[in-house]
Amino acid sequence: MAFKPALITGINGLVGPYLARHLSSHGREVIGIDIHEKCMTEGIRYLQADICDSNGIKNIFNTVKPREIYHLAGISSPQEFNHKPYGSFQINLMGTISLFEAMKDLDHSPIMLAVGSAKQYQSSGYSGKLLETSDLAPNGYYGVSKNAVEMIAKFYVSQYNLDIRLTRSFNHTGPGQSTQFVCSDWAHQIASIVSQKASPVLSVGNINAVMDFSDVRDIVEAYRLIVERGKKGEVYNVCSGKGTPLKYILDSLTTKSLSAISVSVQKDKVNDFASNNQLIGDNSKIFRETGWHPKIPIEKTLDDLYTWWLEKLNNS
């Protein structure tokens, strides 16, 4: 059986290892690239690369000859973007253009999935579920960068007939996520308290928002199905379609501790984790065109995330 070569950029992020394992189990030969010296995922071919190195990326594409490209690389943390906007825009925009240019010069026609964000929708005052046709009005650097990438991708589709498919991925979490993101931040703090490595005070930002969360293990299936069954140039919301109050997540995680935990609202976290009070997607298009729907409930996701942190802390 011939395995289809699938290239994953940003293999060392949260989604990369899960996607690599998922694709490997569905007949792909996975090749991962990232800027780090070592790969965090075993059993795949790994190439250290900077996506902003356009010549290096072209050489990799010509060597690997991918049939599928899953573009995950980039700065994904809004707070990191706020702190380092120049370098972050360079990576997210020019790095992605390097990939489009390398793809354009290949002697075959691969499919690329370029991952965007629900932050592209962020505009104040919207209370319903967001469709792919809803207004795009990002109000932060990160959302602006993802919106710009989508526009550039559509240019390459129309001008050079590249097969690029796009997502606007809503919040997703799971074991392995950085503490730059709210669920993992809270799970880490509570695991630290339970393992007696921290005082019983949970530092939080905004706890009043209602957000759309999915499990990373569901997200990777969505990405594969978009590549297999989606359409060139189309955009897909990848989301649960359900709103989960952050207060519910907070309560679910704090019950892991048998002793009382006090909650302290920190102004810097309110700014870092700033978001709309409600951001919920409509996933009817991806279901209609690919058959994908999320399967893992938020309660299991939070349990697994907390357990991962607890084991990591106890083994450190």
Foldseek 3Di string as FASTA:
>chain_A
DQAAEEEEEPLQAPLNQLLVVVSVVVRHQYEYEYQDPDGPHPDHHYDYDQLLPLVVLLVVCQVRVHQEYEYDDADDFLLVCVVPVVVRLSRLPNSLVSNLVSQLPDPDAHAYEDEAALLQQADPDDDDADDPPHDGDHDGSRSVSRVVSLVVLLCSCVVRVHQYEYEHEFAEDAAPHDLSDPLLVQLLVLLCVQVVNDPQEGEAADQQAWGWYAYSSLVSVLVVLCSVFNGGSYYFYDTQQDTDGSVVSNVLNQVVHPDDHHYDHDHVRNVSVPGYSYHGHDHPVSCVGRVGHGDDDPSVRSVRSSVSSNVVVVVD
